[in-house]
Every structure is written in structure tokens, then in C-alpha cells.
Protein backbone atom coordinates (compact mmCIF):
# COMPACT_ATOMS: atom_id res chain seq x y z
CA MET A 1 125.27 116.67 59.56
CA ILE A 2 124.93 117.19 55.81
CA ALA A 3 127.71 115.52 53.80
CA VAL A 4 128.41 117.18 50.43
CA THR A 5 130.49 115.10 48.03
CA ALA A 6 132.41 116.17 44.93
CA CYS A 7 135.44 114.88 43.02
CA TYR A 8 137.31 118.10 42.32
CA PRO A 9 137.84 121.32 44.35
CA ILE A 10 136.66 123.52 41.48
CA GLU A 11 133.21 121.91 41.70
CA THR A 12 132.55 123.23 45.21
CA ARG A 13 134.94 126.18 45.28
CA GLY A 14 132.06 128.64 45.54
CA MET A 15 130.42 126.79 48.42
CA LYS A 16 130.75 128.61 51.73
CA ALA A 17 131.87 126.75 54.86
CA ALA A 18 129.03 126.25 57.32
CA SER A 19 128.49 124.49 60.61
CA GLY A 20 126.74 121.18 60.26
CA VAL A 21 127.99 120.75 56.67
CA ARG A 22 130.94 118.53 55.77
CA ARG A 23 132.59 118.70 52.35
CA ILE A 24 134.05 115.35 51.23
CA LYS A 25 136.30 114.70 48.22
CA THR A 26 135.50 111.38 46.55
CA PRO A 27 137.20 109.33 43.83
CA ALA A 28 135.68 109.50 40.36
CA GLY A 29 133.47 106.76 38.99
CA ASP A 30 132.56 103.47 40.62
CA ARG A 31 134.90 104.11 43.55
CA ALA A 32 133.05 107.27 44.57
CA SER A 33 131.74 105.74 47.79
CA ASP A 34 135.10 104.25 48.79
CA GLY A 35 136.25 105.66 52.10
CA LEU A 36 132.97 107.35 53.01
CA ASP A 37 132.52 105.18 56.09
CA ALA A 38 136.04 106.00 57.29
CA ALA A 39 135.70 109.70 56.46
CA LEU A 40 132.45 110.00 58.40
CA LEU A 41 133.27 107.60 61.22
CA ARG A 42 134.24 110.20 63.81
CA ASP A 43 131.61 112.76 62.85
CA GLU A 44 128.03 113.14 63.98
CA PRO A 45 125.42 110.99 62.18
CA VAL A 46 124.77 111.90 58.55
CA ALA A 47 121.32 113.42 58.09
CA LEU A 48 121.69 113.84 54.32
CA LEU A 49 124.16 112.94 51.58
CA LEU A 50 124.31 115.43 48.70
CA SER A 51 126.15 114.40 45.52
CA THR A 52 127.21 117.49 43.63
CA GLY A 53 129.63 118.63 40.95
CA PHE A 54 129.66 118.68 37.15
CA CYS A 55 127.55 116.54 34.85
CA GLY A 56 126.72 116.06 31.21
CA GLY A 57 123.45 117.49 29.93
CA LEU A 58 121.28 115.01 28.05
CA GLN A 59 118.55 117.27 26.72
CA PRO A 60 119.15 119.87 23.97
CA GLU A 61 117.96 122.81 26.07
CA LEU A 62 120.48 122.14 28.86
CA GLN A 63 123.56 124.30 28.47
CA ILE A 64 126.71 125.05 30.47
CA GLY A 65 125.81 126.35 33.93
CA ASP A 66 122.28 124.91 34.03
CA LEU A 67 121.35 123.14 37.26
CA VAL A 68 119.85 119.66 37.29
CA LEU A 69 118.17 117.94 40.21
CA ALA A 70 117.68 114.17 40.11
CA ASP A 71 114.36 112.65 41.12
CA THR A 72 115.66 109.19 40.21
CA ILE A 73 119.19 107.81 39.92
CA ARG A 74 119.60 105.07 37.29
CA HIS A 75 122.62 102.90 37.96
CA ARG A 76 123.47 99.41 36.72
CA GLY A 77 119.88 98.54 35.90
CA LYS A 78 118.53 99.84 39.21
CA GLU A 79 116.46 102.93 39.96
CA ILE A 80 116.97 104.72 43.26
CA HIS A 81 114.27 107.30 43.95
CA VAL A 82 114.77 110.51 45.89
CA ALA A 83 112.26 111.03 48.72
CA ARG A 84 109.37 113.08 47.32
CA ASP A 85 109.01 115.40 50.32
CA LEU A 86 112.73 116.17 50.27
CA LEU A 87 112.67 116.72 46.52
CA GLY A 88 109.73 119.10 46.84
CA ARG A 89 111.54 121.25 49.41
CA VAL A 90 114.61 121.46 47.22
CA GLN A 91 112.60 122.35 44.13
CA GLN A 92 110.89 125.16 45.99
CA THR A 93 114.21 126.55 47.23
CA LEU A 94 115.89 126.37 43.82
CA ASP A 95 112.92 127.51 41.75
CA ARG A 96 114.46 130.87 40.89
CA PHE A 97 117.48 129.14 39.32
CA GLY A 98 115.35 127.44 36.67
CA THR A 99 116.55 124.06 37.93
CA ARG A 100 115.53 121.11 35.76
CA THR A 101 114.30 117.97 37.57
CA GLY A 102 114.33 114.45 36.15
CA PRO A 103 116.16 111.11 36.04
CA CYS A 104 119.94 111.08 36.36
CA ALA A 105 121.99 108.38 34.62
CA SER A 106 125.13 107.23 36.43
CA ILE A 107 127.70 105.28 34.42
CA SER A 108 131.26 104.13 34.99
CA VAL A 109 133.03 105.93 32.11
CA VAL A 110 133.09 109.43 30.68
CA ALA A 111 130.10 109.74 28.33
CA ASP A 112 130.96 110.88 24.81
CA GLY A 113 128.44 112.47 22.46
CA GLU A 114 127.19 109.13 21.15
CA LYS A 115 126.65 107.72 24.64
CA LYS A 116 124.89 110.89 25.77
CA ARG A 117 122.48 110.73 22.85
CA GLU A 118 121.76 107.09 23.69
CA LEU A 119 121.03 107.99 27.32
CA ALA A 120 118.93 110.97 26.24
CA GLY A 121 116.65 108.52 24.46
CA THR A 122 115.81 106.92 27.82
CA GLY A 123 114.43 110.20 29.15
CA ALA A 124 117.34 110.92 31.49
CA ILE A 125 118.29 114.59 31.77
CA SER A 126 121.87 114.28 33.03
CA VAL A 127 124.75 111.86 33.33
CA ASP A 128 127.61 111.60 35.80
CA MET A 129 129.88 108.90 37.19
CA GLU A 130 129.45 109.17 40.97
CA SER A 131 125.79 109.57 41.87
CA GLY A 132 124.93 105.89 41.38
CA PRO A 133 127.51 104.47 43.81
CA LEU A 134 126.80 107.27 46.29
CA ALA A 135 123.03 106.82 46.12
CA ASP A 136 123.44 103.09 46.63
CA TRP A 137 125.72 103.72 49.65
CA ALA A 138 123.10 106.03 51.18
CA ARG A 139 120.18 103.72 50.39
CA ARG A 140 121.86 100.78 52.12
CA ARG A 141 122.29 102.92 55.25
CA ASP A 142 118.82 104.47 55.08
CA ILE A 143 120.30 107.98 54.68
CA PRO A 144 118.36 110.59 52.66
CA PHE A 145 120.10 111.39 49.38
CA LEU A 146 120.11 114.20 46.82
CA VAL A 147 121.82 114.84 43.50
CA LEU A 148 122.25 118.47 42.49
CA ARG A 149 124.67 119.03 39.63
CA VAL A 150 125.58 121.65 37.08
CA VAL A 151 126.01 121.02 33.37
CA LEU A 152 129.60 121.26 32.12
CA ASP A 153 129.19 119.55 28.75
CA PRO A 154 125.93 119.85 26.77
CA LEU A 155 124.43 117.01 24.77
CA ASP A 156 126.55 117.39 21.62
CA ALA A 157 129.84 118.28 23.32
CA ASP A 158 132.61 115.72 23.88
CA LEU A 159 135.02 116.14 26.77
CA PRO A 160 138.62 115.04 26.06
CA PHE A 161 138.86 112.96 29.22
CA SER A 162 139.88 109.34 29.47
CA MET A 163 139.64 106.98 32.42
CA ASP A 164 143.18 105.74 31.74
CA ARG A 165 144.67 109.26 32.18
CA SER A 166 144.38 111.88 34.89
CA VAL A 167 142.35 115.02 34.23
CA ALA A 168 145.60 117.02 34.01
CA ALA A 169 147.10 114.59 31.49
CA SER A 170 143.92 114.64 29.39
CA LEU A 171 143.89 118.43 29.31
CA ALA A 172 147.57 118.57 28.41
CA ARG A 173 146.86 116.49 25.31
CA HIS A 174 144.17 118.96 24.19
CA PRO A 175 145.46 122.52 24.78
CA ILE A 176 142.67 124.29 22.87
CA TRP A 177 140.03 122.36 24.74
CA SER A 178 141.87 122.98 28.00
CA ALA A 179 141.33 126.74 28.01
CA ARG A 180 137.70 126.31 26.97
CA ILE A 181 136.99 123.73 29.66
CA VAL A 182 138.67 125.77 32.39
CA ARG A 183 136.50 128.79 31.50
CA SER A 184 133.36 126.64 31.37
CA ALA A 185 134.20 124.91 34.64
CA ALA A 186 134.75 128.22 36.42
CA ARG A 187 131.43 129.54 35.16
CA ALA A 188 129.52 126.37 36.02
CA GLY A 189 131.21 126.10 39.42
CA ARG A 190 130.23 129.67 40.35
CA ARG A 191 126.59 129.01 39.55
CA LEU A 192 126.62 125.76 41.50
CA GLY A 193 128.20 127.51 44.48
CA ILE A 194 125.48 130.17 44.52
CA ALA A 195 122.79 127.48 44.47
CA LEU A 196 124.45 125.44 47.22
CA ASN A 197 124.82 128.49 49.44
CA GLU A 198 121.08 129.05 49.17
CA LEU A 199 120.07 125.40 49.42
CA LEU A 200 122.16 124.17 52.36
CA PRO A 201 120.70 126.53 55.00
CA ALA A 202 117.21 125.49 53.91
CA LEU A 203 118.16 121.81 54.18
CA LYS A 204 119.62 122.34 57.65
CA GLU A 205 116.41 124.01 58.83
CA GLY A 206 114.35 121.09 57.59
CA SER A 207 116.58 118.31 58.97
């Protein structure tokens, strides 16, 4: 079975249901892997864990809707590398999408513009809050792992989210941003869904 994780329904709304694929909603941030064991306990063994959803772009050329594929996940001073043969198959499948491959930074708070520029200086191409804990969970269980995400906020854009408020509460405090983010999220989510619908059958064939 392929387990596909995301925090919010809009991130995987365009993903079609398929046999052998399980969609799992995770908490945001460091608690992303909480409950995975319980959620997967009664299912068949996990052949692959795919962390997906929105991310921040860390290079100037990455804009809303661009796909990023991690070859390395940097989390709390550790580097977790994606298997090269698996990465190569994914790159070949997603080549027509112009997918960018490189290191993914995983941190515990929403990255503002200043933090994104700092991370960009390390050579990372994207930042999110869940891929680190999820990659570590998979590594400890010897389960193959992938990160495929779509850019929601480019390098110089700040999202009005705060870890001490829900997404809804954060958006309510910024009505102008709210409409803009909803439009951007819908656009990015559609592109991610198209990519997932092409990638997952190829992954199932190779597993």
C-alpha cells in the first residue's frame, strides 16, 4: 500500500481515489507522524510513504503551482536521503511538469520571508513543516519515502499564519490575504492533483 499524507483536504482534493493507495490526514508541524502507526495498523504493509501538500519556495524562480521533489530532507540537523532509484523513477514520470529536485528543509514553525531567505542560502529549494517528522518515521521503519509538494508561497511572500491560531482564525484576521490565498491554494492544489494522478499508478507498478 502507498500511504499519501497531507494536512488539509484542499492539498489532495484533486487526487483520485485508487486501490492500493491510502490518503491520511496528519497534524501540522512536529506532530505530523503522530497517529500514523494507529492509522495504518489494520491495513496492509506500507510499501511507500509519500508526504505531499503545500510548501514554501526557496529559490527565486519557484512560483505558485510549481512542483518540488525532495532528494534530501533536512530536519533538526539531520539529512535523510531519498533512495536514488526511487527518485529517478519519479523524476522520469514527472519530467513533463518541470518538477524541480533538490533538498527540502523541514522546520517546526511557519517560515516567514526572512526565514525563507536564510534557508535559501543553504541550497534548499523548499520548506515545509511535516516532511522531516514523516521522513524520520519512515526511516526508522525502513519504509521508502518521498516528498512531492507544490509551492503555495514563493520566496518573498509571507503567509499570515501563526502556530498559536488555527488556519481559519489566521485567515479571518487578514481578509485581503484570505481571498488571495484561497485562489492560490486552489490553483496549486489542482496542479498537485494532476501530478499525483499521474505519479501514483507509476509508483504502484514499480512497487
